[in-house]
Amino acid sequence: MTIDKLADNRVLIVLCKQDMSDFSLDYAKMNFEDSHSRKMLMRILRLACMKEGIEISGKSVLLEAISFDEECYLLATINNKKQKKYRLKSNKNSLCYHLGS
């Protein structure tokens, strides 16, 4: 596992094939609906942030994953501020898509 601090609120975690096996993770099945995946991803995230000195408790975290060759790249962005919520005044010309998890 390689951990790189990209910014004060952003960490890149690279999991090799062996790391994925050690954590019993499969990229094709990885999502937050699966309790095992969620548990392992949170464990990896806490470990990486602790190593880099980033506090995540009580903060919102965006975790993005992409598979490349036999590695899995996890990009964690920690948000210190409350997320803004937007409302549409008119939904006549609006589209919304949900693209998986």
C-alpha atoms as a PDB file:
ATOM      1  CA  MET A   1       0.000   0.000   0.000  1.00  0.00           C
ATOM      2  CA  THR A   2       1.301   3.397  -1.011  1.00  0.00           C
ATOM      3  CA  ILE A   3      -0.034   6.528   0.692  1.00  0.00           C
ATOM      4  CA  ASP A   4       0.587  10.025  -0.678  1.00  0.00           C
ATOM      5  CA  LYS A   5      -0.681  13.244   0.880  1.00  0.00           C
ATOM      6  CA  LEU A   6      -1.653  15.428  -2.082  1.00  0.00           C
ATOM      7  CA  ALA A   7      -2.983  18.379  -0.077  1.00  0.00           C
ATOM      8  CA  ASP A   8      -4.040  19.204   3.485  1.00  0.00           C
ATOM      9  CA  ASN A   9      -7.397  17.538   2.800  1.00  0.00           C
ATOM     10  CA  ARG A  10      -6.568  14.985   0.091  1.00  0.00           C
ATOM     11  CA  VAL A  11      -4.862  11.582   0.260  1.00  0.00           C
ATOM     12  CA  LEU A  12      -4.110   9.122  -2.557  1.00  0.00           C
ATOM     13  CA  ILE A  13      -3.952   5.462  -1.564  1.00  0.00           C
ATOM     14  CA  VAL A  14      -2.682   2.872  -4.036  1.00  0.00           C
ATOM     15  CA  LEU A  15      -3.508  -0.757  -3.308  1.00  0.00           C
ATOM     16  CA  CYS A  16      -1.573  -3.395  -5.244  1.00  0.00           C
ATOM     17  CA  LYS A  17      -2.955  -6.831  -6.084  1.00  0.00           C
ATOM     18  CA  GLN A  18      -1.523  -8.266  -2.841  1.00  0.00           C
ATOM     19  CA  ASP A  19      -3.099  -5.468  -0.754  1.00  0.00           C
ATOM     20  CA  MET A  20      -6.476  -6.146  -2.361  1.00  0.00           C
ATOM     21  CA  SER A  21      -6.062  -9.821  -1.491  1.00  0.00           C
ATOM     22  CA  ASP A  22      -4.923  -9.050   2.080  1.00  0.00           C
ATOM     23  CA  PHE A  23      -8.026  -6.911   2.673  1.00  0.00           C
ATOM     24  CA  SER A  24     -10.256  -9.423   0.806  1.00  0.00           C
ATOM     25  CA  LEU A  25     -11.410  -6.700  -1.579  1.00  0.00           C
ATOM     26  CA  ASP A  26     -12.565  -7.121  -5.158  1.00  0.00           C
ATOM     27  CA  TYR A  27     -12.873  -3.918  -7.191  1.00  0.00           C
ATOM     28  CA  ALA A  28     -15.854  -5.248  -9.159  1.00  0.00           C
ATOM     29  CA  LYS A  29     -17.795  -5.892  -5.930  1.00  0.00           C
ATOM     30  CA  MET A  30     -16.504  -2.928  -3.910  1.00  0.00           C
ATOM     31  CA  ASN A  31     -19.231  -0.537  -2.708  1.00  0.00           C
ATOM     32  CA  PHE A  32     -20.532   0.958   0.508  1.00  0.00           C
ATOM     33  CA  GLU A  33     -23.659  -1.214   0.431  1.00  0.00           C
ATOM     34  CA  ASP A  34     -21.495  -4.276   1.129  1.00  0.00           C
ATOM     35  CA  SER A  35     -20.637  -4.325   4.841  1.00  0.00           C
ATOM     36  CA  HIS A  36     -17.259  -6.059   4.352  1.00  0.00           C
ATOM     37  CA  SER A  37     -16.149  -3.567   1.677  1.00  0.00           C
ATOM     38  CA  ARG A  38     -17.299  -0.618   3.791  1.00  0.00           C
ATOM     39  CA  LYS A  39     -15.468  -1.949   6.848  1.00  0.00           C
ATOM     40  CA  MET A  40     -12.202  -2.551   4.939  1.00  0.00           C
ATOM     41  CA  LEU A  41     -12.342   0.779   3.092  1.00  0.00           C
ATOM     42  CA  MET A  42     -12.911   2.647   6.368  1.00  0.00           C
ATOM     43  CA  ARG A  43     -10.001   0.757   7.949  1.00  0.00           C
ATOM     44  CA  ILE A  44      -7.719   1.687   5.016  1.00  0.00           C
ATOM     45  CA  LEU A  45      -8.913   5.309   5.106  1.00  0.00           C
ATOM     46  CA  ARG A  46      -8.329   5.671   8.853  1.00  0.00           C
ATOM     47  CA  LEU A  47      -4.869   4.111   8.562  1.00  0.00           C
ATOM     48  CA  ALA A  48      -3.861   6.404   5.692  1.00  0.00           C
ATOM     49  CA  CYS A  49      -5.199   9.571   7.311  1.00  0.00           C
ATOM     50  CA  MET A  50      -3.621   8.714  10.662  1.00  0.00           C
ATOM     51  CA  LYS A  51      -0.263   8.130   8.949  1.00  0.00           C
ATOM     52  CA  GLU A  52      -0.513  11.492   7.152  1.00  0.00           C
ATOM     53  CA  GLY A  53      -1.834  13.408  10.177  1.00  0.00           C
ATOM     54  CA  ILE A  54      -5.272  14.194   8.744  1.00  0.00           C
ATOM     55  CA  GLU A  55      -8.260  14.173  11.101  1.00  0.00           C
ATOM     56  CA  ILE A  56     -11.434  12.629   9.630  1.00  0.00           C
ATOM     57  CA  SER A  57     -13.757  12.182  12.606  1.00  0.00           C
ATOM     58  CA  GLY A  58     -16.808  14.420  12.368  1.00  0.00           C
ATOM     59  CA  LYS A  59     -15.985  15.457   8.795  1.00  0.00           C
ATOM     60  CA  SER A  60     -17.480  14.420   5.500  1.00  0.00           C
ATOM     61  CA  VAL A  61     -15.221  12.319   3.296  1.00  0.00           C
ATOM     62  CA  LEU A  62     -15.493  11.720  -0.432  1.00  0.00           C
ATOM     63  CA  LEU A  63     -13.851   8.430  -1.385  1.00  0.00           C
ATOM     64  CA  GLU A  64     -13.281   7.725  -5.076  1.00  0.00           C
ATOM     65  CA  ALA A  65     -11.915   4.462  -6.445  1.00  0.00           C
ATOM     66  CA  ILE A  66     -10.543   3.520  -9.839  1.00  0.00           C
ATOM     67  CA  SER A  67      -8.962   0.315 -11.042  1.00  0.00           C
ATOM     68  CA  PHE A  68      -5.848   0.528 -13.199  1.00  0.00           C
ATOM     69  CA  ASP A  69      -4.051  -2.626 -14.336  1.00  0.00           C
ATOM     70  CA  GLU A  70      -4.019  -4.749 -11.180  1.00  0.00           C
ATOM     71  CA  GLU A  71      -3.977  -1.812  -8.759  1.00  0.00           C
ATOM     72  CA  CYS A  72      -6.773   0.114  -7.099  1.00  0.00           C
ATOM     73  CA  TYR A  73      -6.411   3.868  -6.603  1.00  0.00           C
ATOM     74  CA  LEU A  74      -8.389   5.438  -3.767  1.00  0.00           C
ATOM     75  CA  LEU A  75      -8.629   9.228  -3.618  1.00  0.00           C
ATOM     76  CA  ALA A  76      -9.953  10.537  -0.313  1.00  0.00           C
ATOM     77  CA  THR A  77     -11.026  14.172  -0.031  1.00  0.00           C
ATOM     78  CA  ILE A  78     -11.872  15.408   3.453  1.00  0.00           C
ATOM     79  CA  ASN A  79     -14.344  18.281   3.572  1.00  0.00           C
ATOM     80  CA  ASN A  80     -14.194  20.572   6.595  1.00  0.00           C
ATOM     81  CA  LYS A  81     -17.218  22.623   5.577  1.00  0.00           C
ATOM     82  CA  LYS A  82     -20.871  21.728   5.437  1.00  0.00           C
ATOM     83  CA  GLN A  83     -21.995  20.714   1.983  1.00  0.00           C
ATOM     84  CA  LYS A  84     -24.199  23.171   0.165  1.00  0.00           C
ATOM     85  CA  LYS A  85     -27.610  22.019  -0.914  1.00  0.00           C
ATOM     86  CA  TYR A  86     -29.185  23.412  -4.028  1.00  0.00           C
ATOM     87  CA  ARG A  87     -32.811  23.466  -5.077  1.00  0.00           C
ATOM     88  CA  LEU A  88     -34.073  23.917  -8.597  1.00  0.00           C
ATOM     89  CA  LYS A  89     -36.742  26.554  -9.059  1.00  0.00           C
ATOM     90  CA  SER A  90     -38.036  24.872 -12.188  1.00  0.00           C
ATOM     91  CA  ASN A  91     -37.449  21.298 -13.228  1.00  0.00           C
ATOM     92  CA  LYS A  92     -38.697  21.645 -16.818  1.00  0.00           C
ATOM     93  CA  ASN A  93     -35.242  21.501 -18.419  1.00  0.00           C
ATOM     94  CA  SER A  94     -33.432  19.440 -15.786  1.00  0.00           C
ATOM     95  CA  LEU A  95     -31.923  15.996 -15.931  1.00  0.00           C
ATOM     96  CA  CYS A  96     -30.582  13.912 -13.095  1.00  0.00           C
ATOM     97  CA  TYR A  97     -28.686  10.658 -13.454  1.00  0.00           C
ATOM     98  CA  HIS A  98     -27.616   8.167 -10.825  1.00  0.00           C
ATOM     99  CA  LEU A  99     -24.504   6.315 -12.002  1.00  0.00           C
ATOM    100  CA  GLY A 100     -24.110   3.513  -9.496  1.00  0.00           C
ATOM    101  CA  SER A 101     -22.218   3.899  -6.247  1.00  0.00           C
END
